Amino acid sequence: MAPVIMGNPERPELGEELANAFCATDPDIAAVFARTTFLPGTL
C-alpha cells in the first residue's frame, strides 16, 4: 500500500522507504496518532 500512498511509481524506493517507516513505528504511538487525527475529541 505504501507505493500507492507515495504516488511516485517511477521511484519505487520511496514507497519502500515509506513502508519501512510504517513498520518501524511503535503501534501504541500510531494508535494514539490515528485516534487524534481521524477522531478529534476522542483522546
C-alpha atoms as a PDB file:
ATOM      1  CA  MET A   1       0.000   0.000   0.000  1.00  0.00           C
ATOM      2  CA  ALA A   2       2.921   2.360   0.659  1.00  0.00           C
ATOM      3  CA  PRO A   3       3.826   2.759  -3.048  1.00  0.00           C
ATOM      4  CA  VAL A   4       0.214   3.754  -3.791  1.00  0.00           C
ATOM      5  CA  ILE A   5       0.213   6.263  -0.928  1.00  0.00           C
ATOM      6  CA  MET A   6       3.540   7.652  -2.099  1.00  0.00           C
ATOM      7  CA  GLY A   7       2.155   8.052  -5.624  1.00  0.00           C
ATOM      8  CA  ASN A   8       5.536   8.108  -7.316  1.00  0.00           C
ATOM      9  CA  PRO A   9       5.743   4.941  -9.476  1.00  0.00           C
ATOM     10  CA  GLU A  10       8.954   5.997 -11.215  1.00  0.00           C
ATOM     11  CA  ARG A  11      10.734   5.999  -7.824  1.00  0.00           C
ATOM     12  CA  PRO A  12       9.814   2.675  -6.137  1.00  0.00           C
ATOM     13  CA  GLU A  13      12.493   3.206  -3.493  1.00  0.00           C
ATOM     14  CA  LEU A  14      10.327   5.967  -1.999  1.00  0.00           C
ATOM     15  CA  GLY A  15       7.452   3.544  -1.444  1.00  0.00           C
ATOM     16  CA  GLU A  16       9.839   1.092   0.161  1.00  0.00           C
ATOM     17  CA  GLU A  17      11.182   3.806   2.455  1.00  0.00           C
ATOM     18  CA  LEU A  18       7.643   4.752   3.497  1.00  0.00           C
ATOM     19  CA  ALA A  19       6.772   1.099   4.175  1.00  0.00           C
ATOM     20  CA  ASN A  20       9.883   0.750   6.344  1.00  0.00           C
ATOM     21  CA  ALA A  21       8.907   3.877   8.272  1.00  0.00           C
ATOM     22  CA  PHE A  22       5.401   2.475   8.875  1.00  0.00           C
ATOM     23  CA  CYS A  23       6.855  -0.807  10.110  1.00  0.00           C
ATOM     24  CA  ALA A  24       9.279   0.944  12.462  1.00  0.00           C
ATOM     25  CA  THR A  25       6.531   2.950  14.175  1.00  0.00           C
ATOM     26  CA  ASP A  26       5.561   1.956  17.707  1.00  0.00           C
ATOM     27  CA  PRO A  27       1.983   0.574  17.437  1.00  0.00           C
ATOM     28  CA  ASP A  28       0.848   2.292  20.652  1.00  0.00           C
ATOM     29  CA  ILE A  29       2.027   5.675  19.418  1.00  0.00           C
ATOM     30  CA  ALA A  30       0.500   5.046  15.993  1.00  0.00           C
ATOM     31  CA  ALA A  31      -2.860   4.246  17.606  1.00  0.00           C
ATOM     32  CA  VAL A  32      -2.869   7.499  19.583  1.00  0.00           C
ATOM     33  CA  PHE A  33      -1.890   9.423  16.455  1.00  0.00           C
ATOM     34  CA  ALA A  34      -4.645   7.765  14.411  1.00  0.00           C
ATOM     35  CA  ARG A  35      -7.315   8.456  17.042  1.00  0.00           C
ATOM     36  CA  THR A  36      -6.206  12.070  17.359  1.00  0.00           C
ATOM     37  CA  THR A  37      -6.034  12.583  13.596  1.00  0.00           C
ATOM     38  CA  PHE A  38      -9.180  10.783  12.460  1.00  0.00           C
ATOM     39  CA  LEU A  39     -11.456  11.021  15.501  1.00  0.00           C
ATOM     40  CA  PRO A  40     -10.932  14.507  17.001  1.00  0.00           C
ATOM     41  CA  GLY A  41     -12.266  14.903  20.501  1.00  0.00           C
ATOM     42  CA  THR A  42     -11.815  11.235  21.481  1.00  0.00           C
ATOM     43  CA  LEU A  43      -8.494  11.481  23.277  1.00  0.00           C
END
